[in-house]
């Protein structure tokens, strides 16, 4: 049985911090515990990369459509990164939460600030790399960017990491398995709170105490 309403989780990290790999590995772990969760599919104006599917990795739209959605108030949050726009659809977010699904927003600090204003109940975690050297190694190892682009991403990463204290929780992704365990614990803990457990196991509690 799920709670009547899901919880919104903001997960942020600098590029190369590991948030995408961690959140995708998190879903099957939560499913094993019968914990309904999903990752929000963002809208973006950037072109699809090799292997990316529209509607699965992102909703790919052009600049004009994105601006139209902003004007119509269709985004819960939106931001511009490296000249491309990214945004979270408001309607789908509300639908999933009302279905009792915990929803993960894989967004940056700019979007996180907007979500906190719109939905103060959202929980948030920032993921840090173990060192700048490791972060640069991860960015370079992707093989997608030249040296100048990697340097620009490193500069942006420093700026992003300066916002870590705006988040409720902090995870250092030094060991992937350990970081995944920490992230999983953050999602499971609220479900174990007294009020949540009383609602979930009301019939059992009555049977035990009657």
N, C-alpha and C. Protein backbone atom coordinates (compact mmCIF):
# COMPACT_ATOMS: atom_id res chain seq x y z
N UNK A 1 0.85 -1.19 0.00
CA UNK A 1 0.00 0.00 0.00
C UNK A 1 0.88 1.24 0.00
N UNK A 2 0.55 2.26 -0.83
CA UNK A 2 1.33 3.48 -0.86
C UNK A 2 0.65 4.55 -0.03
N UNK A 3 1.39 5.59 0.32
CA UNK A 3 0.82 6.71 1.02
C UNK A 3 -0.12 7.43 0.08
N UNK A 4 -1.12 8.19 0.61
CA UNK A 4 -2.07 8.87 -0.25
C UNK A 4 -1.39 9.80 -1.25
N UNK A 5 -0.33 10.43 -0.88
CA UNK A 5 0.36 11.36 -1.77
C UNK A 5 1.85 11.08 -1.76
N UNK A 6 2.45 11.15 -2.93
CA UNK A 6 3.88 10.95 -3.02
C UNK A 6 4.66 12.16 -2.54
N UNK A 7 5.96 12.00 -2.43
CA UNK A 7 6.84 13.08 -2.00
C UNK A 7 7.73 13.51 -3.16
N UNK A 8 8.05 14.79 -3.17
CA UNK A 8 8.90 15.34 -4.21
C UNK A 8 10.33 15.44 -3.69
N UNK A 9 11.27 14.84 -4.44
CA UNK A 9 12.67 14.85 -4.05
C UNK A 9 13.50 15.57 -5.11
N UNK A 10 14.25 16.58 -4.69
CA UNK A 10 15.17 17.28 -5.58
C UNK A 10 16.55 16.67 -5.40
N UNK A 11 17.16 16.23 -6.50
CA UNK A 11 18.52 15.69 -6.45
C UNK A 11 19.38 16.54 -7.39
N UNK A 12 20.39 17.19 -6.83
CA UNK A 12 21.27 18.06 -7.62
C UNK A 12 22.72 17.66 -7.43
N UNK A 13 23.53 18.00 -8.42
CA UNK A 13 24.98 17.72 -8.38
C UNK A 13 25.62 18.46 -9.55
N UNK A 14 26.91 18.71 -9.48
CA UNK A 14 27.59 19.26 -10.66
C UNK A 14 27.63 18.20 -11.75
N UNK A 15 27.79 18.64 -12.99
CA UNK A 15 27.95 17.69 -14.09
C UNK A 15 29.13 16.78 -13.78
N UNK A 16 28.90 15.46 -13.86
CA UNK A 16 29.93 14.50 -13.49
C UNK A 16 29.86 14.05 -12.05
N UNK A 17 28.92 14.61 -11.29
CA UNK A 17 28.79 14.25 -9.88
C UNK A 17 28.17 12.88 -9.66
N UNK A 18 27.45 12.39 -10.66
CA UNK A 18 26.89 11.04 -10.57
C UNK A 18 25.42 10.97 -10.27
N UNK A 19 24.71 12.11 -10.29
CA UNK A 19 23.30 12.06 -9.89
C UNK A 19 22.44 11.24 -10.85
N UNK A 20 22.74 11.30 -12.14
CA UNK A 20 21.93 10.55 -13.10
C UNK A 20 22.10 9.04 -12.90
N UNK A 21 23.35 8.60 -12.75
CA UNK A 21 23.60 7.17 -12.53
C UNK A 21 22.98 6.71 -11.21
N UNK A 22 23.10 7.53 -10.18
CA UNK A 22 22.57 7.15 -8.87
C UNK A 22 21.05 7.08 -8.87
N UNK A 23 20.39 8.07 -9.45
CA UNK A 23 18.92 8.06 -9.42
C UNK A 23 18.35 6.92 -10.24
N UNK A 24 19.02 6.58 -11.34
CA UNK A 24 18.53 5.46 -12.15
C UNK A 24 18.79 4.12 -11.48
N UNK A 25 19.85 4.01 -10.73
CA UNK A 25 20.10 2.78 -9.96
C UNK A 25 19.19 2.70 -8.74
N UNK A 26 18.71 3.85 -8.29
CA UNK A 26 17.84 3.89 -7.11
C UNK A 26 16.48 3.26 -7.36
N UNK A 27 15.92 3.46 -8.54
CA UNK A 27 14.55 3.00 -8.80
C UNK A 27 14.34 1.51 -8.57
N UNK A 28 15.19 0.62 -9.12
CA UNK A 28 14.97 -0.82 -8.85
C UNK A 28 15.16 -1.18 -7.38
N UNK A 29 16.05 -0.44 -6.68
CA UNK A 29 16.24 -0.70 -5.25
C UNK A 29 14.96 -0.38 -4.48
N UNK A 30 14.34 0.73 -4.82
CA UNK A 30 13.09 1.10 -4.15
C UNK A 30 11.95 0.16 -4.53
N UNK A 31 11.95 -0.28 -5.79
CA UNK A 31 10.90 -1.20 -6.24
C UNK A 31 10.93 -2.51 -5.45
N UNK A 32 12.14 -2.95 -5.09
CA UNK A 32 12.26 -4.16 -4.29
C UNK A 32 11.57 -4.01 -2.94
N UNK A 33 11.49 -2.77 -2.46
CA UNK A 33 10.82 -2.49 -1.18
C UNK A 33 9.37 -2.07 -1.39
N UNK A 34 8.85 -2.28 -2.60
CA UNK A 34 7.48 -1.89 -2.95
C UNK A 34 7.25 -0.40 -2.73
N UNK A 35 8.25 0.36 -3.05
CA UNK A 35 8.23 1.80 -2.88
C UNK A 35 8.09 2.44 -4.26
N UNK A 36 6.94 3.04 -4.52
CA UNK A 36 6.66 3.62 -5.84
C UNK A 36 7.44 4.92 -6.03
N UNK A 37 8.29 4.96 -7.05
CA UNK A 37 9.08 6.15 -7.33
C UNK A 37 9.33 6.25 -8.82
N UNK A 38 9.56 7.46 -9.28
CA UNK A 38 9.83 7.69 -10.70
C UNK A 38 10.73 8.91 -10.83
N UNK A 39 11.41 9.00 -11.97
CA UNK A 39 12.24 10.16 -12.28
C UNK A 39 11.48 11.04 -13.26
N UNK A 40 11.36 12.30 -12.94
CA UNK A 40 10.67 13.23 -13.82
C UNK A 40 11.42 13.36 -15.14
N UNK A 41 10.68 13.38 -16.24
CA UNK A 41 11.27 13.56 -17.57
C UNK A 41 11.18 15.04 -17.92
N UNK A 42 12.33 15.70 -18.00
CA UNK A 42 12.37 17.14 -18.24
C UNK A 42 12.17 17.48 -19.70
N UNK A 43 11.79 18.73 -19.94
CA UNK A 43 11.75 19.29 -21.28
C UNK A 43 13.08 19.99 -21.54
N UNK A 44 13.56 19.95 -22.78
CA UNK A 44 14.80 20.64 -23.12
C UNK A 44 14.79 21.09 -24.57
N UNK A 45 15.55 22.15 -24.81
CA UNK A 45 15.69 22.65 -26.18
C UNK A 45 16.95 22.10 -26.85
N UNK A 46 17.76 21.33 -26.15
CA UNK A 46 18.95 20.78 -26.79
C UNK A 46 18.58 19.61 -27.68
N UNK A 47 19.46 19.31 -28.62
CA UNK A 47 19.21 18.21 -29.55
C UNK A 47 19.44 16.87 -28.85
N UNK A 48 18.73 15.83 -29.25
CA UNK A 48 18.95 14.50 -28.66
C UNK A 48 20.36 13.99 -28.96
N UNK A 49 20.96 13.33 -27.97
CA UNK A 49 22.24 12.68 -28.18
C UNK A 49 22.01 11.25 -28.66
N UNK A 50 23.05 10.62 -29.12
CA UNK A 50 22.95 9.25 -29.61
C UNK A 50 22.37 8.35 -28.51
N UNK A 51 21.34 7.60 -28.87
CA UNK A 51 20.73 6.67 -27.93
C UNK A 51 19.61 7.26 -27.09
N UNK A 52 19.39 8.56 -27.17
CA UNK A 52 18.32 9.19 -26.38
C UNK A 52 17.00 9.12 -27.13
N UNK A 53 15.93 8.88 -26.36
CA UNK A 53 14.59 8.74 -26.93
C UNK A 53 13.68 9.83 -26.38
N UNK A 54 12.95 10.47 -27.27
CA UNK A 54 12.01 11.51 -26.86
C UNK A 54 10.93 10.91 -25.96
N UNK A 55 10.69 11.57 -24.84
CA UNK A 55 9.69 11.10 -23.89
C UNK A 55 10.22 10.15 -22.85
N UNK A 56 11.41 9.62 -23.08
CA UNK A 56 12.04 8.71 -22.11
C UNK A 56 13.18 9.40 -21.39
N UNK A 57 14.10 9.97 -22.15
CA UNK A 57 15.23 10.68 -21.54
C UNK A 57 14.88 12.15 -21.31
N UNK A 58 14.29 12.77 -22.31
CA UNK A 58 13.80 14.15 -22.25
C UNK A 58 12.60 14.28 -23.17
N UNK A 59 11.85 15.37 -22.98
CA UNK A 59 10.89 15.81 -23.97
C UNK A 59 11.63 16.88 -24.78
N UNK A 60 11.94 16.59 -26.02
CA UNK A 60 12.72 17.52 -26.84
C UNK A 60 11.77 18.48 -27.58
N UNK A 61 11.94 19.77 -27.31
CA UNK A 61 11.11 20.78 -27.94
C UNK A 61 12.00 21.90 -28.47
N UNK A 62 11.47 22.71 -29.38
CA UNK A 62 12.26 23.82 -29.89
C UNK A 62 12.10 25.05 -29.00
N UNK A 63 12.89 26.07 -29.28
CA UNK A 63 12.90 27.28 -28.46
C UNK A 63 11.53 27.94 -28.39
N UNK A 64 10.86 28.03 -29.52
CA UNK A 64 9.56 28.68 -29.55
C UNK A 64 8.54 27.96 -28.67
N UNK A 65 8.53 26.63 -28.73
CA UNK A 65 7.60 25.86 -27.91
C UNK A 65 7.93 26.01 -26.43
N UNK A 66 9.21 26.03 -26.08
CA UNK A 66 9.60 26.17 -24.69
C UNK A 66 9.14 27.52 -24.14
N UNK A 67 9.37 28.58 -24.89
CA UNK A 67 8.95 29.91 -24.45
C UNK A 67 7.44 29.97 -24.29
N UNK A 68 6.74 29.33 -25.21
CA UNK A 68 5.27 29.27 -25.14
C UNK A 68 4.82 28.59 -23.85
N UNK A 69 5.52 27.51 -23.47
CA UNK A 69 5.18 26.80 -22.23
C UNK A 69 5.46 27.65 -21.00
N UNK A 70 6.54 28.43 -21.03
CA UNK A 70 6.82 29.34 -19.92
C UNK A 70 5.68 30.34 -19.76
N UNK A 71 5.28 30.94 -20.86
CA UNK A 71 4.22 31.95 -20.84
C UNK A 71 2.89 31.38 -20.37
N UNK A 72 2.67 30.10 -20.64
CA UNK A 72 1.42 29.44 -20.24
C UNK A 72 1.48 28.90 -18.81
N UNK A 73 2.62 29.06 -18.14
CA UNK A 73 2.75 28.58 -16.76
C UNK A 73 2.80 27.08 -16.64
N UNK A 74 3.31 26.42 -17.68
CA UNK A 74 3.31 24.96 -17.69
C UNK A 74 4.50 24.34 -16.98
N UNK A 75 5.46 25.16 -16.54
CA UNK A 75 6.64 24.62 -15.88
C UNK A 75 6.59 24.84 -14.37
N UNK A 76 6.96 23.80 -13.63
CA UNK A 76 7.17 23.95 -12.19
C UNK A 76 8.45 24.72 -11.95
N UNK A 77 9.44 24.46 -12.79
CA UNK A 77 10.71 25.19 -12.76
C UNK A 77 11.32 25.12 -14.14
N UNK A 78 12.19 26.09 -14.43
CA UNK A 78 12.95 26.03 -15.68
C UNK A 78 14.23 26.85 -15.51
N UNK A 79 15.25 26.48 -16.28
CA UNK A 79 16.54 27.14 -16.18
C UNK A 79 17.26 27.05 -17.52
N UNK A 80 18.30 27.87 -17.65
CA UNK A 80 19.11 27.85 -18.86
C UNK A 80 20.53 27.47 -18.47
N UNK A 81 21.07 26.43 -19.12
CA UNK A 81 22.41 25.92 -18.82
C UNK A 81 23.15 25.72 -20.14
N UNK A 82 24.33 26.33 -20.25
CA UNK A 82 25.12 26.23 -21.49
C UNK A 82 24.29 26.59 -22.73
N UNK A 83 23.44 27.61 -22.59
CA UNK A 83 22.68 28.09 -23.73
C UNK A 83 21.47 27.27 -24.09
N UNK A 84 21.18 26.23 -23.33
CA UNK A 84 20.01 25.39 -23.59
C UNK A 84 19.05 25.47 -22.41
N UNK A 85 17.79 25.36 -22.72
CA UNK A 85 16.77 25.45 -21.68
C UNK A 85 16.34 24.06 -21.20
N UNK A 86 16.04 24.00 -19.90
CA UNK A 86 15.54 22.77 -19.29
C UNK A 86 14.37 23.15 -18.38
N UNK A 87 13.36 22.29 -18.31
CA UNK A 87 12.23 22.59 -17.45
C UNK A 87 11.47 21.35 -17.02
N UNK A 88 10.76 21.46 -15.89
CA UNK A 88 9.95 20.38 -15.34
C UNK A 88 8.48 20.70 -15.54
N UNK A 89 7.76 19.80 -16.19
CA UNK A 89 6.33 20.01 -16.42
C UNK A 89 5.53 19.97 -15.12
N UNK A 90 4.68 20.96 -14.93
CA UNK A 90 3.91 21.08 -13.70
C UNK A 90 2.80 20.02 -13.62
N UNK A 91 2.04 19.85 -14.70
CA UNK A 91 0.87 18.96 -14.67
C UNK A 91 1.25 17.52 -14.36
N UNK A 92 2.26 17.00 -15.04
CA UNK A 92 2.66 15.61 -14.84
C UNK A 92 3.22 15.40 -13.43
N UNK A 93 3.91 16.40 -12.91
CA UNK A 93 4.44 16.31 -11.55
C UNK A 93 3.31 16.12 -10.55
N UNK A 94 2.29 16.95 -10.65
CA UNK A 94 1.15 16.87 -9.73
C UNK A 94 0.42 15.54 -9.88
N UNK A 95 0.26 15.06 -11.11
CA UNK A 95 -0.43 13.80 -11.35
C UNK A 95 0.26 12.64 -10.63
N UNK A 96 1.58 12.55 -10.77
CA UNK A 96 2.32 11.44 -10.16
C UNK A 96 2.27 11.52 -8.64
N UNK A 97 2.42 12.70 -8.09
CA UNK A 97 2.36 12.85 -6.63
C UNK A 97 1.00 12.45 -6.10
N UNK A 98 -0.06 12.80 -6.81
CA UNK A 98 -1.41 12.45 -6.37
C UNK A 98 -1.67 10.95 -6.47
N UNK A 99 -0.90 10.26 -7.31
CA UNK A 99 -1.00 8.80 -7.43
C UNK A 99 -0.20 8.08 -6.35
N UNK A 100 0.47 8.83 -5.47
CA UNK A 100 1.25 8.23 -4.40
C UNK A 100 2.67 7.87 -4.80
N UNK A 101 3.14 8.40 -5.93
CA UNK A 101 4.48 8.10 -6.42
C UNK A 101 5.46 9.16 -5.92
N UNK A 102 6.57 8.73 -5.35
CA UNK A 102 7.65 9.65 -5.01
C UNK A 102 8.35 10.05 -6.30
N UNK A 103 8.46 11.35 -6.54
CA UNK A 103 9.00 11.83 -7.81
C UNK A 103 10.36 12.49 -7.61
N UNK A 104 11.33 12.07 -8.43
CA UNK A 104 12.69 12.60 -8.35
C UNK A 104 12.87 13.66 -9.43
N UNK A 105 13.29 14.84 -9.01
CA UNK A 105 13.64 15.90 -9.95
C UNK A 105 15.16 15.98 -10.05
N UNK A 106 15.69 15.61 -11.20
CA UNK A 106 17.13 15.66 -11.46
C UNK A 106 17.41 17.04 -12.06
N UNK A 107 17.59 18.05 -11.18
CA UNK A 107 17.68 19.44 -11.62
C UNK A 107 18.84 20.15 -10.93
N UNK A 108 19.19 21.35 -11.43
CA UNK A 108 20.29 22.10 -10.84
C UNK A 108 19.77 23.03 -9.75
N UNK A 109 20.68 23.80 -9.15
CA UNK A 109 20.32 24.65 -8.01
C UNK A 109 19.33 25.75 -8.40
N UNK A 110 19.39 26.21 -9.65
CA UNK A 110 18.45 27.24 -10.09
C UNK A 110 17.02 26.70 -10.04
N UNK A 111 16.83 25.52 -10.61
CA UNK A 111 15.52 24.90 -10.58
C UNK A 111 15.08 24.54 -9.18
N UNK A 112 16.05 24.11 -8.35
CA UNK A 112 15.73 23.73 -6.97
C UNK A 112 15.15 24.91 -6.20
N UNK A 113 15.71 26.09 -6.41
CA UNK A 113 15.21 27.28 -5.72
C UNK A 113 13.76 27.56 -6.12
N UNK A 114 13.45 27.40 -7.39
CA UNK A 114 12.08 27.63 -7.87
C UNK A 114 11.11 26.61 -7.30
N UNK A 115 11.54 25.35 -7.23
CA UNK A 115 10.66 24.29 -6.71
C UNK A 115 10.39 24.52 -5.23
N UNK A 116 11.39 24.94 -4.47
CA UNK A 116 11.18 25.19 -3.04
C UNK A 116 10.16 26.29 -2.83
N UNK A 117 10.18 27.29 -3.68
CA UNK A 117 9.21 28.37 -3.56
C UNK A 117 7.80 27.89 -3.87
N UNK A 118 7.68 27.05 -4.90
CA UNK A 118 6.37 26.55 -5.32
C UNK A 118 5.86 25.44 -4.42
N UNK A 119 6.78 24.58 -3.95
CA UNK A 119 6.40 23.41 -3.14
C UNK A 119 7.39 23.28 -1.98
N UNK A 120 7.19 24.05 -0.92
CA UNK A 120 8.13 24.06 0.21
C UNK A 120 8.31 22.70 0.88
N UNK A 121 7.36 21.79 0.67
CA UNK A 121 7.46 20.47 1.30
C UNK A 121 8.46 19.56 0.60
N UNK A 122 8.97 19.96 -0.55
CA UNK A 122 9.93 19.14 -1.30
C UNK A 122 11.19 18.90 -0.47
N UNK A 123 11.70 17.69 -0.53
CA UNK A 123 12.95 17.33 0.15
C UNK A 123 14.08 17.45 -0.89
N UNK A 124 15.31 17.68 -0.40
CA UNK A 124 16.39 17.91 -1.36
C UNK A 124 17.72 17.34 -0.87
N UNK A 125 18.52 16.88 -1.83
CA UNK A 125 19.85 16.34 -1.52
C UNK A 125 20.82 16.80 -2.60
N UNK A 126 22.02 17.18 -2.17
CA UNK A 126 23.08 17.57 -3.10
C UNK A 126 24.16 16.50 -3.06
N UNK A 127 24.65 16.13 -4.25
CA UNK A 127 25.69 15.10 -4.36
C UNK A 127 27.00 15.75 -4.78
N UNK A 128 28.03 15.52 -3.99
CA UNK A 128 29.36 16.07 -4.26
C UNK A 128 30.31 14.98 -4.77
N UNK A 129 31.26 15.33 -5.63
CA UNK A 129 32.31 14.38 -6.01
C UNK A 129 33.34 14.31 -4.88
N UNK A 130 34.18 13.27 -4.85
CA UNK A 130 35.17 13.15 -3.77
C UNK A 130 36.33 14.14 -3.90
N UNK A 131 36.56 14.70 -5.09
CA UNK A 131 37.64 15.66 -5.31
C UNK A 131 37.45 16.34 -6.66
N UNK A 132 38.12 17.47 -6.84
CA UNK A 132 38.08 18.13 -8.14
C UNK A 132 38.79 17.30 -9.21
N UNK A 133 39.84 16.61 -8.80
CA UNK A 133 40.58 15.77 -9.74
C UNK A 133 39.71 14.64 -10.28
N UNK A 134 38.95 14.03 -9.39
CA UNK A 134 38.06 12.94 -9.81
C UNK A 134 36.94 13.47 -10.69
N UNK A 135 36.44 14.65 -10.36
CA UNK A 135 35.38 15.25 -11.17
C UNK A 135 35.89 15.52 -12.59
N UNK A 136 37.08 16.07 -12.71
CA UNK A 136 37.64 16.34 -14.03
C UNK A 136 37.88 15.05 -14.80
N UNK A 137 38.32 14.00 -14.08
CA UNK A 137 38.54 12.71 -14.73
C UNK A 137 37.24 12.17 -15.29
N UNK A 138 36.17 12.28 -14.54
CA UNK A 138 34.87 11.78 -15.01
C UNK A 138 34.39 12.56 -16.23
N UNK A 139 34.54 13.87 -16.19
CA UNK A 139 34.10 14.69 -17.32
C UNK A 139 34.93 14.40 -18.57
N UNK A 140 36.22 14.26 -18.40
CA UNK A 140 37.10 13.98 -19.54
C UNK A 140 36.85 12.58 -20.08
N UNK A 141 36.53 11.64 -19.18
CA UNK A 141 36.34 10.25 -19.56
C UNK A 141 35.10 9.99 -20.39
N UNK A 142 34.18 10.95 -20.43
CA UNK A 142 32.98 10.77 -21.23
C UNK A 142 33.30 10.75 -22.73
N UNK A 143 34.37 11.46 -23.09
CA UNK A 143 34.76 11.50 -24.50
C UNK A 143 33.83 12.29 -25.38
N UNK A 144 32.95 13.11 -24.78
CA UNK A 144 31.97 13.88 -25.55
C UNK A 144 32.42 15.32 -25.79
N UNK A 145 33.38 15.81 -24.99
CA UNK A 145 33.74 17.22 -25.03
C UNK A 145 35.24 17.40 -25.22
N UNK A 146 35.60 18.53 -25.83
CA UNK A 146 37.02 18.85 -25.97
C UNK A 146 37.53 19.48 -24.68
N UNK A 147 38.83 19.77 -24.63
CA UNK A 147 39.45 20.28 -23.41
C UNK A 147 38.84 21.60 -22.96
N UNK A 148 38.52 22.48 -23.92
CA UNK A 148 37.94 23.77 -23.57
C UNK A 148 36.56 23.61 -22.93
N UNK A 149 35.77 22.68 -23.46
CA UNK A 149 34.44 22.44 -22.91
C UNK A 149 34.53 21.83 -21.52
N UNK A 150 35.48 20.91 -21.33
CA UNK A 150 35.67 20.32 -20.00
C UNK A 150 36.06 21.39 -19.00
N UNK A 151 36.95 22.31 -19.41
CA UNK A 151 37.36 23.40 -18.52
C UNK A 151 36.17 24.29 -18.16
N UNK A 152 35.30 24.54 -19.14
CA UNK A 152 34.12 25.36 -18.88
C UNK A 152 33.17 24.63 -17.92
N UNK A 153 33.04 23.32 -18.10
CA UNK A 153 32.18 22.54 -17.21
C UNK A 153 32.75 22.49 -15.79
N UNK A 154 34.05 22.45 -15.67
CA UNK A 154 34.68 22.46 -14.34
C UNK A 154 34.40 23.79 -13.64
N UNK A 155 34.48 24.90 -14.39
CA UNK A 155 34.20 26.21 -13.80
C UNK A 155 32.74 26.29 -13.35
N UNK A 156 31.84 25.76 -14.18
CA UNK A 156 30.43 25.75 -13.82
C UNK A 156 30.19 24.86 -12.61
N UNK A 157 30.91 23.74 -12.53
CA UNK A 157 30.75 22.82 -11.41
C UNK A 157 31.10 23.49 -10.09
N UNK A 158 32.17 24.28 -10.08
CA UNK A 158 32.55 25.00 -8.86
C UNK A 158 31.43 25.94 -8.43
N UNK A 159 30.83 26.63 -9.40
CA UNK A 159 29.74 27.54 -9.08
C UNK A 159 28.53 26.77 -8.54
N UNK A 160 28.24 25.63 -9.15
CA UNK A 160 27.10 24.82 -8.70
C UNK A 160 27.32 24.30 -7.29
N UNK A 161 28.53 23.82 -7.01
CA UNK A 161 28.81 23.24 -5.70
C UNK A 161 28.75 24.26 -4.58
N UNK A 162 28.89 25.54 -4.91
CA UNK A 162 28.81 26.57 -3.87
C UNK A 162 27.41 26.67 -3.27
N UNK A 163 26.43 26.04 -3.90
CA UNK A 163 25.04 26.09 -3.41
C UNK A 163 24.65 24.87 -2.58
N UNK A 164 25.61 24.03 -2.24
CA UNK A 164 25.28 22.77 -1.56
C UNK A 164 24.54 22.99 -0.25
N UNK A 165 24.84 24.10 0.46
CA UNK A 165 24.26 24.33 1.78
C UNK A 165 22.78 24.70 1.72
N UNK A 166 22.24 24.90 0.52
CA UNK A 166 20.82 25.19 0.37
C UNK A 166 19.97 23.93 0.46
N UNK A 167 20.63 22.76 0.53
CA UNK A 167 19.93 21.48 0.50
C UNK A 167 19.84 20.87 1.89
N UNK A 168 18.84 20.01 2.10
CA UNK A 168 18.62 19.38 3.40
C UNK A 168 19.66 18.30 3.70
N UNK A 169 20.09 17.59 2.65
CA UNK A 169 20.99 16.46 2.84
C UNK A 169 22.17 16.57 1.87
N UNK A 170 23.27 15.91 2.24
CA UNK A 170 24.49 15.96 1.43
C UNK A 170 25.09 14.56 1.35
N UNK A 171 25.43 14.13 0.13
CA UNK A 171 26.06 12.83 -0.09
C UNK A 171 27.34 13.04 -0.89
N UNK A 172 28.43 12.44 -0.45
CA UNK A 172 29.68 12.47 -1.21
C UNK A 172 29.79 11.17 -1.99
N UNK A 173 29.83 11.28 -3.30
CA UNK A 173 29.84 10.11 -4.17
C UNK A 173 31.28 9.65 -4.42
N UNK A 174 31.90 9.11 -3.38
CA UNK A 174 33.24 8.56 -3.52
C UNK A 174 33.17 7.10 -3.94
N UNK A 175 32.27 6.38 -3.30
CA UNK A 175 32.03 4.98 -3.62
C UNK A 175 30.58 4.86 -4.08
N UNK A 176 30.35 4.43 -5.32
CA UNK A 176 29.00 4.43 -5.88
C UNK A 176 28.03 3.62 -5.04
N UNK A 177 28.43 2.42 -4.62
CA UNK A 177 27.54 1.57 -3.85
C UNK A 177 27.16 2.23 -2.53
N UNK A 178 28.13 2.85 -1.89
CA UNK A 178 27.85 3.52 -0.63
C UNK A 178 26.94 4.72 -0.81
N UNK A 179 27.19 5.50 -1.87
CA UNK A 179 26.35 6.66 -2.15
C UNK A 179 24.92 6.24 -2.47
N UNK A 180 24.78 5.11 -3.16
CA UNK A 180 23.45 4.60 -3.48
C UNK A 180 22.71 4.18 -2.22
N UNK A 181 23.40 3.56 -1.28
CA UNK A 181 22.79 3.17 -0.01
C UNK A 181 22.31 4.40 0.74
N UNK A 182 23.13 5.45 0.76
CA UNK A 182 22.76 6.68 1.45
C UNK A 182 21.52 7.31 0.81
N UNK A 183 21.50 7.34 -0.51
CA UNK A 183 20.37 7.93 -1.21
C UNK A 183 19.09 7.13 -0.96
N UNK A 184 19.22 5.83 -0.99
CA UNK A 184 18.06 4.96 -0.72
C UNK A 184 17.50 5.21 0.67
N UNK A 185 18.38 5.39 1.64
CA UNK A 185 17.95 5.63 3.02
C UNK A 185 17.14 6.91 3.13
N UNK A 186 17.52 7.94 2.37
CA UNK A 186 16.78 9.21 2.40
C UNK A 186 15.35 9.03 1.91
N UNK A 187 15.15 8.15 0.93
CA UNK A 187 13.82 7.93 0.40
C UNK A 187 12.98 7.05 1.33
N UNK A 188 13.61 6.08 1.98
CA UNK A 188 12.87 5.15 2.82
C UNK A 188 12.50 5.74 4.17
N UNK A 189 13.35 6.62 4.69
CA UNK A 189 13.14 7.14 6.05
C UNK A 189 11.77 7.80 6.25
N UNK A 190 11.31 8.68 5.35
CA UNK A 190 10.00 9.31 5.59
C UNK A 190 8.86 8.31 5.64
N UNK A 191 8.98 7.21 4.92
CA UNK A 191 7.92 6.19 4.91
C UNK A 191 7.85 5.43 6.23
N UNK A 192 8.92 5.52 7.02
CA UNK A 192 8.96 4.81 8.30
C UNK A 192 8.51 5.69 9.46
N UNK A 193 8.22 6.95 9.19
CA UNK A 193 7.74 7.84 10.24
C UNK A 193 6.42 7.32 10.80
N UNK A 194 6.15 7.65 12.06
CA UNK A 194 4.99 7.09 12.76
C UNK A 194 3.68 7.32 12.01
N UNK A 195 3.41 8.55 11.59
CA UNK A 195 2.14 8.85 10.94
C UNK A 195 1.97 8.04 9.65
N UNK A 196 3.06 7.93 8.88
CA UNK A 196 2.99 7.18 7.63
C UNK A 196 2.74 5.70 7.89
N UNK A 197 3.42 5.15 8.90
CA UNK A 197 3.24 3.74 9.22
C UNK A 197 1.86 3.45 9.81
N UNK A 198 1.34 4.39 10.59
CA UNK A 198 -0.01 4.21 11.13
C UNK A 198 -1.05 4.14 10.01
N UNK A 199 -0.89 4.98 9.00
CA UNK A 199 -1.83 4.97 7.88
C UNK A 199 -1.68 3.70 7.06
N UNK A 200 -0.43 3.28 6.84
CA UNK A 200 -0.16 2.11 5.99
C UNK A 200 -0.61 0.82 6.66
N UNK A 201 -0.42 0.72 7.99
CA UNK A 201 -0.68 -0.53 8.70
C UNK A 201 -1.83 -0.40 9.70
N UNK A 202 -2.82 0.43 9.35
CA UNK A 202 -3.93 0.67 10.26
C UNK A 202 -4.65 -0.62 10.67
N UNK A 203 -4.90 -1.49 9.67
CA UNK A 203 -5.63 -2.74 9.96
C UNK A 203 -4.81 -3.66 10.87
N UNK A 204 -3.52 -3.74 10.61
CA UNK A 204 -2.63 -4.59 11.44
C UNK A 204 -2.61 -4.06 12.87
N UNK A 205 -2.48 -2.77 13.04
CA UNK A 205 -2.39 -2.19 14.38
C UNK A 205 -3.68 -2.44 15.16
N UNK A 206 -4.81 -2.28 14.46
CA UNK A 206 -6.11 -2.56 15.14
C UNK A 206 -6.18 -4.03 15.56
N UNK A 207 -5.74 -4.92 14.68
CA UNK A 207 -5.79 -6.36 14.99
C UNK A 207 -4.89 -6.71 16.16
N UNK A 208 -3.74 -6.06 16.25
CA UNK A 208 -2.79 -6.35 17.32
C UNK A 208 -3.26 -5.81 18.68
N UNK A 209 -3.98 -4.70 18.66
CA UNK A 209 -4.34 -4.04 19.92
C UNK A 209 -5.75 -4.31 20.39
N UNK A 210 -6.61 -4.77 19.49
CA UNK A 210 -8.01 -5.04 19.89
C UNK A 210 -8.09 -6.30 20.76
